[in-house]
C-alpha atoms as a PDB file:
ATOM      1  CA  MET A   1      48.666   2.788  14.440  1.00  0.00           C
ATOM      2  CA  GLU A   2      49.443   6.241  13.987  1.00  0.00           C
ATOM      3  CA  GLU A   3      48.605   8.746  16.579  1.00  0.00           C
ATOM      4  CA  ASN A   4      48.324  12.629  16.731  1.00  0.00           C
ATOM      5  CA  ILE A   5      47.146  15.737  18.147  1.00  0.00           C
ATOM      6  CA  ILE A   6      45.487  18.363  16.321  1.00  0.00           C
ATOM      7  CA  PRO A   7      43.459  21.922  17.830  1.00  0.00           C
ATOM      8  CA  TRP A   8      40.282  22.011  17.243  1.00  0.00           C
ATOM      9  CA  SER A   9      37.464  24.309  18.239  1.00  0.00           C
ATOM     10  CA  GLY A  10      39.952  25.822  21.258  1.00  0.00           C
ATOM     11  CA  GLN A  11      40.865  22.393  22.751  1.00  0.00           C
ATOM     12  CA  VAL A  12      43.023  19.254  21.530  1.00  0.00           C
ATOM     13  CA  VAL A  13      41.556  16.475  19.353  1.00  0.00           C
ATOM     14  CA  THR A  14      43.284  12.626  19.348  1.00  0.00           C
ATOM     15  CA  VAL A  15      43.385  11.241  15.771  1.00  0.00           C
ATOM     16  CA  GLN A  16      44.628   7.383  15.576  1.00  0.00           C
ATOM     17  CA  LYS A  17      45.302   6.576  12.092  1.00  0.00           C
ATOM     18  CA  LYS A  18      44.448   2.770  11.760  1.00  0.00           C
ATOM     19  CA  ALA A  19      44.207  -0.101   8.820  1.00  0.00           C
ATOM     20  CA  ILE A  20      40.057   0.272   8.851  1.00  0.00           C
ATOM     21  CA  LYS A  21      37.523   1.565   6.752  1.00  0.00           C
ATOM     22  CA  ASN A  22      35.422   3.424   8.780  1.00  0.00           C
ATOM     23  CA  ILE A  23      35.456   6.622  11.089  1.00  0.00           C
ATOM     24  CA  TYR A  24      34.783   6.383  14.397  1.00  0.00           C
ATOM     25  CA  LEU A  25      33.906   9.347  16.786  1.00  0.00           C
ATOM     26  CA  LYS A  26      33.952   9.369  20.462  1.00  0.00           C
ATOM     27  CA  VAL A  27      33.865  11.674  23.559  1.00  0.00           C
ATOM     28  CA  LEU A  28      35.224  10.232  26.420  1.00  0.00           C
ATOM     29  CA  PRO A  29      34.113  10.678  29.850  1.00  0.00           C
ATOM     30  CA  PRO A  30      34.866  12.527  32.264  1.00  0.00           C
ATOM     31  CA  GLU A  31      36.566  15.484  30.856  1.00  0.00           C
ATOM     32  CA  GLY A  32      34.699  15.183  27.392  1.00  0.00           C
ATOM     33  CA  ARG A  33      38.173  14.403  25.423  1.00  0.00           C
ATOM     34  CA  ILE A  34      37.649  13.817  21.711  1.00  0.00           C
ATOM     35  CA  LEU A  35      38.885  10.730  20.064  1.00  0.00           C
ATOM     36  CA  LEU A  36      38.681  10.150  16.028  1.00  0.00           C
ATOM     37  CA  SER A  37      39.742   7.330  14.206  1.00  0.00           C
ATOM     38  CA  VAL A  38      40.038   7.551  10.704  1.00  0.00           C
ATOM     39  CA  PRO A  39      41.535   5.303   7.641  1.00  0.00           C
ATOM     40  CA  LYS A  40      45.570   5.555   7.187  1.00  0.00           C
ATOM     41  CA  GLY A  41      44.894   7.644   3.873  1.00  0.00           C
ATOM     42  CA  CYS A  42      43.003  10.238   5.674  1.00  0.00           C
ATOM     43  CA  SER A  43      44.217  14.168   5.023  1.00  0.00           C
ATOM     44  CA  ARG A  44      44.406  16.521   7.831  1.00  0.00           C
ATOM     45  CA  ARG A  45      41.578  18.512   5.656  1.00  0.00           C
ATOM     46  CA  GLU A  46      39.219  15.495   5.555  1.00  0.00           C
ATOM     47  CA  ILE A  47      39.981  15.311   9.298  1.00  0.00           C
ATOM     48  CA  GLU A  48      38.957  18.882   9.968  1.00  0.00           C
ATOM     49  CA  ALA A  49      35.788  18.623   7.431  1.00  0.00           C
ATOM     50  CA  ILE A  50      34.516  15.672   9.875  1.00  0.00           C
ATOM     51  CA  LEU A  51      34.926  17.513  12.762  1.00  0.00           C
ATOM     52  CA  GLU A  52      33.274  20.431  11.830  1.00  0.00           C
ATOM     53  CA  ARG A  53      30.201  18.221  10.128  1.00  0.00           C
ATOM     54  CA  ARG A  54      30.191  16.765  13.725  1.00  0.00           C
ATOM     55  CA  ARG A  55      30.243  19.792  15.440  1.00  0.00           C
ATOM     56  CA  ALA A  56      26.852  20.199  17.225  1.00  0.00           C
ATOM     57  CA  TRP A  57      27.047  17.123  18.030  1.00  0.00           C
ATOM     58  CA  LEU A  58      30.842  16.763  19.658  1.00  0.00           C
ATOM     59  CA  LEU A  59      30.021  20.261  21.442  1.00  0.00           C
ATOM     60  CA  GLU A  60      26.239  18.711  23.104  1.00  0.00           C
ATOM     61  CA  ARG A  61      28.024  15.322  24.360  1.00  0.00           C
ATOM     62  CA  GLN A  62      30.976  17.428  25.892  1.00  0.00           C
ATOM     63  CA  ARG A  63      28.536  19.503  27.352  1.00  0.00           C
ATOM     64  CA  LEU A  64      26.424  16.568  29.102  1.00  0.00           C
ATOM     65  CA  ILE A  65      29.232  14.389  29.542  1.00  0.00           C
ATOM     66  CA  ARG A  66      30.785  17.550  31.599  1.00  0.00           C
ATOM     67  CA  ALA A  67      27.385  17.605  33.654  1.00  0.00           C
ATOM     68  CA  HIS A  68      27.192  14.326  34.771  1.00  0.00           C
ATOM     69  CA  ALA A  69      30.648  13.945  35.894  1.00  0.00           C
ATOM     70  CA  ASN A  70      29.555  17.556  38.104  1.00  0.00           C
ATOM     71  CA  THR A  71      26.214  15.730  39.640  1.00  0.00           C
ATOM     72  CA  PRO A  72      25.577  15.642  43.022  1.00  0.00           C
ATOM     73  CA  ALA A  73      26.689  12.939  45.464  1.00  0.00           C
ATOM     74  CA  LYS A  74      25.922   9.157  45.248  1.00  0.00           C
ATOM     75  CA  ARG A  75      22.616   7.917  46.542  1.00  0.00           C
ATOM     76  CA  GLN A  76      22.915   6.804  50.007  1.00  0.00           C
ATOM     77  CA  TYR A  77      19.493   4.794  49.567  1.00  0.00           C
ATOM     78  CA  VAL A  78      17.998   6.077  52.818  1.00  0.00           C
ATOM     79  CA  SER A  79      14.593   6.954  53.534  1.00  0.00           C
ATOM     80  CA  GLY A  80      13.277  10.108  51.744  1.00  0.00           C
ATOM     81  CA  GLU A  81      15.367   9.791  48.871  1.00  0.00           C
ATOM     82  CA  LYS A  82      14.176   9.793  45.186  1.00  0.00           C
ATOM     83  CA  ILE A  83      14.595   6.397  42.864  1.00  0.00           C
ATOM     84  CA  PRO A  84      13.222   6.441  39.206  1.00  0.00           C
ATOM     85  CA  VAL A  85      11.461   3.547  37.966  1.00  0.00           C
ATOM     86  CA  TRP A  86      10.487   3.076  34.617  1.00  0.00           C
ATOM     87  CA  GLY A  87      10.528   6.900  34.435  1.00  0.00           C
ATOM     88  CA  THR A  88       8.503   7.948  37.234  1.00  0.00           C
ATOM     89  CA  PRO A  89      10.328   9.377  40.253  1.00  0.00           C
ATOM     90  CA  CYS A  90       9.380   7.371  43.219  1.00  0.00           C
ATOM     91  CA  GLU A  91      10.183   8.079  47.305  1.00  0.00           C
ATOM     92  CA  LEU A  92      12.447   5.622  48.876  1.00  0.00           C
ATOM     93  CA  VAL A  93      11.016   3.910  52.251  1.00  0.00           C
ATOM     94  CA  VAL A  94      13.803   1.941  54.187  1.00  0.00           C
ATOM     95  CA  ARG A  95      12.436  -0.400  56.773  1.00  0.00           C
ATOM     96  CA  GLU A  96      14.837  -2.823  58.878  1.00  0.00           C
ATOM     97  CA  VAL A  97      13.437  -6.327  58.955  1.00  0.00           C
ATOM     98  CA  PRO A  98      14.997  -8.845  61.294  1.00  0.00           C
ATOM     99  CA  GLY A  99      17.309 -12.103  59.806  1.00  0.00           C
ATOM    100  CA  ASN A 100      19.374 -11.518  56.726  1.00  0.00           C
ATOM    101  CA  LYS A 101      16.609 -11.559  54.269  1.00  0.00           C
ATOM    102  CA  ALA A 102      16.114  -8.554  52.055  1.00  0.00           C
ATOM    103  CA  ARG A 103      13.325  -7.615  49.698  1.00  0.00           C
ATOM    104  CA  VAL A 104      11.747  -4.909  47.397  1.00  0.00           C
ATOM    105  CA  ALA A 105       8.118  -3.494  46.933  1.00  0.00           C
ATOM    106  CA  ARG A 106       6.509  -1.103  45.118  1.00  0.00           C
ATOM    107  CA  LYS A 107       3.375   0.880  46.256  1.00  0.00           C
ATOM    108  CA  GLY A 108       2.309   3.698  43.822  1.00  0.00           C
ATOM    109  CA  ASP A 109       5.001   6.043  44.145  1.00  0.00           C
ATOM    110  CA  ARG A 110       6.742   4.450  46.804  1.00  0.00           C
ATOM    111  CA  VAL A 111       9.105   2.091  46.978  1.00  0.00           C
ATOM    112  CA  LEU A 112      10.129  -0.057  50.262  1.00  0.00           C
ATOM    113  CA  LEU A 113      13.373  -1.391  50.625  1.00  0.00           C
ATOM    114  CA  MET A 114      13.364  -3.982  53.523  1.00  0.00           C
ATOM    115  CA  VAL A 115      16.843  -5.110  54.536  1.00  0.00           C
ATOM    116  CA  PRO A 116      18.691  -6.060  57.766  1.00  0.00           C
ATOM    117  CA  GLY A 117      19.695  -3.149  60.128  1.00  0.00           C
ATOM    118  CA  TYR A 118      23.499  -4.222  59.425  1.00  0.00           C
ATOM    119  CA  ALA A 119      23.180  -3.583  55.725  1.00  0.00           C
ATOM    120  CA  THR A 120      25.612  -1.175  54.478  1.00  0.00           C
ATOM    121  CA  ARG A 121      25.100   1.446  51.367  1.00  0.00           C
ATOM    122  CA  GLU A 122      26.516  -1.084  49.281  1.00  0.00           C
ATOM    123  CA  GLN A 123      24.376  -3.851  50.213  1.00  0.00           C
ATOM    124  CA  ARG A 124      21.380  -1.556  50.289  1.00  0.00           C
ATOM    125  CA  ARG A 125      22.137  -0.612  46.589  1.00  0.00           C
ATOM    126  CA  GLN A 126      22.585  -4.085  45.272  1.00  0.00           C
ATOM    127  CA  VAL A 127      19.349  -5.089  46.640  1.00  0.00           C
ATOM    128  CA  ILE A 128      17.669  -2.088  44.481  1.00  0.00           C
ATOM    129  CA  ASN A 129      19.627  -3.035  41.382  1.00  0.00           C
ATOM    130  CA  ASP A 130      18.397  -7.072  41.834  1.00  0.00           C
ATOM    131  CA  TRP A 131      15.093  -5.772  41.624  1.00  0.00           C
ATOM    132  CA  TYR A 132      15.465  -3.543  38.829  1.00  0.00           C
ATOM    133  CA  ARG A 133      17.121  -6.443  37.217  1.00  0.00           C
ATOM    134  CA  HIS A 134      13.783  -8.623  37.677  1.00  0.00           C
ATOM    135  CA  GLN A 135      11.658  -5.525  36.617  1.00  0.00           C
ATOM    136  CA  LEU A 136      13.600  -6.059  33.194  1.00  0.00           C
ATOM    137  CA  GLU A 137      13.857  -9.507  33.065  1.00  0.00           C
ATOM    138  CA  CYS A 138       9.701  -9.668  34.071  1.00  0.00           C
ATOM    139  CA  VAL A 139       9.038  -6.594  30.611  1.00  0.00           C
ATOM    140  CA  VAL A 140      11.466  -8.386  28.462  1.00  0.00           C
ATOM    141  CA  ALA A 141       9.934 -11.793  29.143  1.00  0.00           C
ATOM    142  CA  ARG A 142       6.123 -10.115  27.723  1.00  0.00           C
ATOM    143  CA  GLU A 143       7.900  -8.035  24.748  1.00  0.00           C
ATOM    144  CA  ARG A 144      10.291  -9.892  23.552  1.00  0.00           C
ATOM    145  CA  SER A 145       8.546 -11.731  20.853  1.00  0.00           C
ATOM    146  CA  ARG A 146       6.884  -8.700  19.845  1.00  0.00           C
ATOM    147  CA  LEU A 147      10.186  -6.839  19.367  1.00  0.00           C
ATOM    148  CA  GLU A 148      11.581  -9.697  17.597  1.00  0.00           C
ATOM    149  CA  SER A 149       8.668  -9.807  15.317  1.00  0.00           C
ATOM    150  CA  LEU A 150       9.117  -6.623  14.629  1.00  0.00           C
ATOM    151  CA  VAL A 151      12.648  -6.230  13.644  1.00  0.00           C
ATOM    152  CA  GLY A 152      12.284 -10.023  11.794  1.00  0.00           C
ATOM    153  CA  LYS A 153      15.609 -11.438  13.817  1.00  0.00           C
ATOM    154  CA  SER A 154      15.391 -13.222  17.407  1.00  0.00           C
ATOM    155  CA  ALA A 155      18.096 -13.119  19.603  1.00  0.00           C
ATOM    156  CA  ALA A 156      19.148 -16.729  21.019  1.00  0.00           C
ATOM    157  CA  GLU A 157      19.623 -15.359  24.336  1.00  0.00           C
ATOM    158  CA  TRP A 158      18.431 -11.919  26.501  1.00  0.00           C
ATOM    159  CA  ARG A 159      20.844 -11.705  29.535  1.00  0.00           C
ATOM    160  CA  PHE A 160      20.618  -8.480  31.990  1.00  0.00           C
ATOM    161  CA  ARG A 161      23.856  -6.733  33.861  1.00  0.00           C
ATOM    162  CA  ASP A 162      25.005  -3.758  35.835  1.00  0.00           C
ATOM    163  CA  MET A 163      26.487  -1.377  33.187  1.00  0.00           C
ATOM    164  CA  HIS A 164      27.831   1.695  33.745  1.00  0.00           C
ATOM    165  CA  THR A 165      28.295   3.272  30.304  1.00  0.00           C
ATOM    166  CA  ARG A 166      26.066   1.533  27.910  1.00  0.00           C
ATOM    167  CA  TRP A 167      22.613   0.788  27.301  1.00  0.00           C
ATOM    168  CA  GLY A 168      22.823  -2.653  25.719  1.00  0.00           C
ATOM    169  CA  THR A 169      25.172  -4.524  23.546  1.00  0.00           C
ATOM    170  CA  CYS A 170      24.682  -7.787  20.852  1.00  0.00           C
ATOM    171  CA  ASN A 171      27.089 -10.521  20.535  1.00  0.00           C
ATOM    172  CA  VAL A 172      26.317 -10.650  16.711  1.00  0.00           C
ATOM    173  CA  ARG A 173      27.754 -14.851  16.125  1.00  0.00           C
ATOM    174  CA  ALA A 174      26.155 -15.927  19.435  1.00  0.00           C
ATOM    175  CA  ARG A 175      22.842 -13.940  18.533  1.00  0.00           C
ATOM    176  CA  ARG A 176      22.975 -12.906  22.278  1.00  0.00           C
ATOM    177  CA  VAL A 177      21.641  -9.687  23.137  1.00  0.00           C
ATOM    178  CA  TRP A 178      22.729  -7.718  26.680  1.00  0.00           C
ATOM    179  CA  LEU A 179      20.548  -5.009  28.281  1.00  0.00           C
ATOM    180  CA  SER A 180      21.410  -2.739  31.195  1.00  0.00           C
ATOM    181  CA  ILE A 181      19.575  -2.995  34.294  1.00  0.00           C
ATOM    182  CA  HIS A 182      19.407   0.537  34.701  1.00  0.00           C
ATOM    183  CA  LEU A 183      16.804   0.927  31.594  1.00  0.00           C
ATOM    184  CA  ALA A 184      14.216  -0.088  34.201  1.00  0.00           C
ATOM    185  CA  LYS A 185      15.105   3.849  35.746  1.00  0.00           C
ATOM    186  CA  GLN A 186      14.143   4.747  32.253  1.00  0.00           C
ATOM    187  CA  HIS A 187      10.756   5.441  30.448  1.00  0.00           C
ATOM    188  CA  PRO A 188       9.571   2.388  28.847  1.00  0.00           C
ATOM    189  CA  GLU A 189       9.946   3.300  25.401  1.00  0.00           C
ATOM    190  CA  ALA A 190      13.723   3.919  26.589  1.00  0.00           C
ATOM    191  CA  LEU A 191      14.144  -0.004  26.771  1.00  0.00           C
ATOM    192  CA  ARG A 192      11.973  -0.494  23.142  1.00  0.00           C
ATOM    193  CA  TYR A 193      14.741   1.773  21.520  1.00  0.00           C
ATOM    194  CA  VAL A 194      17.709  -0.129  23.393  1.00  0.00           C
ATOM    195  CA  ALA A 195      16.287  -3.398  22.227  1.00  0.00           C
ATOM    196  CA  ILE A 196      15.209  -2.956  18.830  1.00  0.00           C
ATOM    197  CA  HIS A 197      18.522  -1.426  18.247  1.00  0.00           C
ATOM    198  CA  GLU A 198      20.439  -4.377  19.720  1.00  0.00           C
ATOM    199  CA  LEU A 199      18.014  -6.629  17.525  1.00  0.00           C
ATOM    200  CA  THR A 200      18.647  -4.811  14.439  1.00  0.00           C
ATOM    201  CA  HIS A 201      22.762  -5.544  14.869  1.00  0.00           C
ATOM    202  CA  LEU A 202      21.463  -9.021  14.079  1.00  0.00           C
ATOM    203  CA  TRP A 203      21.225  -7.617  10.283  1.00  0.00           C
ATOM    204  CA  GLU A 204      23.887  -5.021  10.635  1.00  0.00           C
ATOM    205  CA  ALA A 205      26.723  -4.928  12.538  1.00  0.00           C
ATOM    206  CA  ASN A 206      27.680  -1.668  12.783  1.00  0.00           C
ATOM    207  CA  HIS A 207      26.062   1.795  12.580  1.00  0.00           C
ATOM    208  CA  GLY A 208      26.041   2.815   9.132  1.00  0.00           C
ATOM    209  CA  PRO A 209      23.251   3.593   6.537  1.00  0.00           C
ATOM    210  CA  GLU A 210      21.804   0.489   6.090  1.00  0.00           C
ATOM    211  CA  PHE A 211      21.816  -0.083  10.193  1.00  0.00           C
ATOM    212  CA  LYS A 212      19.837   3.523  10.263  1.00  0.00           C
ATOM    213  CA  ALA A 213      17.549   2.818   7.399  1.00  0.00           C
ATOM    214  CA  ARG A 214      16.387  -0.350   9.504  1.00  0.00           C
ATOM    215  CA  MET A 215      16.417   1.507  12.114  1.00  0.00           C
ATOM    216  CA  ASP A 216      14.085   4.502  11.198  1.00  0.00           C
ATOM    217  CA  ARG A 217      11.542   1.603   9.624  1.00  0.00           C
ATOM    218  CA  TYR A 218      11.129  -0.437  12.749  1.00  0.00           C
ATOM    219  CA  TYR A 219      11.059   2.435  14.856  1.00  0.00           C
ATOM    220  CA  PRO A 220      11.270   5.971  13.595  1.00  0.00           C
ATOM    221  CA  ARG A 221      11.334   8.389  16.740  1.00  0.00           C
ATOM    222  CA  TRP A 222      14.720   6.313  17.312  1.00  0.00           C
ATOM    223  CA  ARG A 223      16.759   9.526  17.361  1.00  0.00           C
ATOM    224  CA  GLU A 224      14.365  11.502  19.626  1.00  0.00           C
ATOM    225  CA  VAL A 225      14.332   8.699  22.403  1.00  0.00           C
ATOM    226  CA  LYS A 226      18.041   8.378  21.737  1.00  0.00           C
ATOM    227  CA  LYS A 227      18.889  11.726  22.988  1.00  0.00           C
ATOM    228  CA  LEU A 228      16.729  11.969  25.620  1.00  0.00           C
ATOM    229  CA  LEU A 229      18.347   8.651  26.876  1.00  0.00           C
ATOM    230  CA  ARG A 230      21.797  10.547  26.717  1.00  0.00           C
ATOM    231  CA  MET A 231      20.087  13.752  28.736  1.00  0.00           C
ATOM    232  CA  GLU A 232      18.551  11.465  31.765  1.00  0.00           C
ATOM    233  CA  ALA A 233      21.153   8.671  31.949  1.00  0.00           C
ATOM    234  CA  ASP A 234      21.103   7.455  34.938  1.00  0.00           C
ATOM    235  CA  PHE A 235      23.469   4.659  36.243  1.00  0.00           C
ATOM    236  CA  GLU A 236      24.062   4.697  39.520  1.00  0.00           C
END
């Protein structure tokens, strides 16, 4: 692999030339560094043309990443804080309970977190995240057959985990879909978009024209929802 740094739009871009066929463009947190991977024969003029074509996306992505890096302090999971549930801000109410059991219940626009008095901030966060996981599991169990019928592919397994940078992944060989538990914070359409996206990878492994054409067919609003999800990202 050959790696160089080139100037672009008042900043520098890291360019990696590899033995690959496709072009990969990333904006990396926390400072928004741009990383461009291209085939070995790609010229400087071609590289600059790629960056210019994606200028608007690159600058907007940098803005979002830098804004996220400057977000307020982490939640403390105490009474009065707001936590999102399926796109709705809910007031968190923490109640101490005897023993060592913890549970969560939603009542309208309030979420009751019942924990022992000794529970730390991280333990309270884990209880809430376990509840998010359960919320996601229930919705996927109800909707998966409909989503799989829409795409025409079935996952052998759906799994859920606390992912901090991605909304979902798909192991094509194992036909296993992973979803971020933080999708339970977003509007239900976000889950629909990510689930269809990952199932579509069972047809197309990469994000090329064929993949996008299928996404247009299965979920025409995917670009709009993808943009909203990027803006509302909450992996706390």
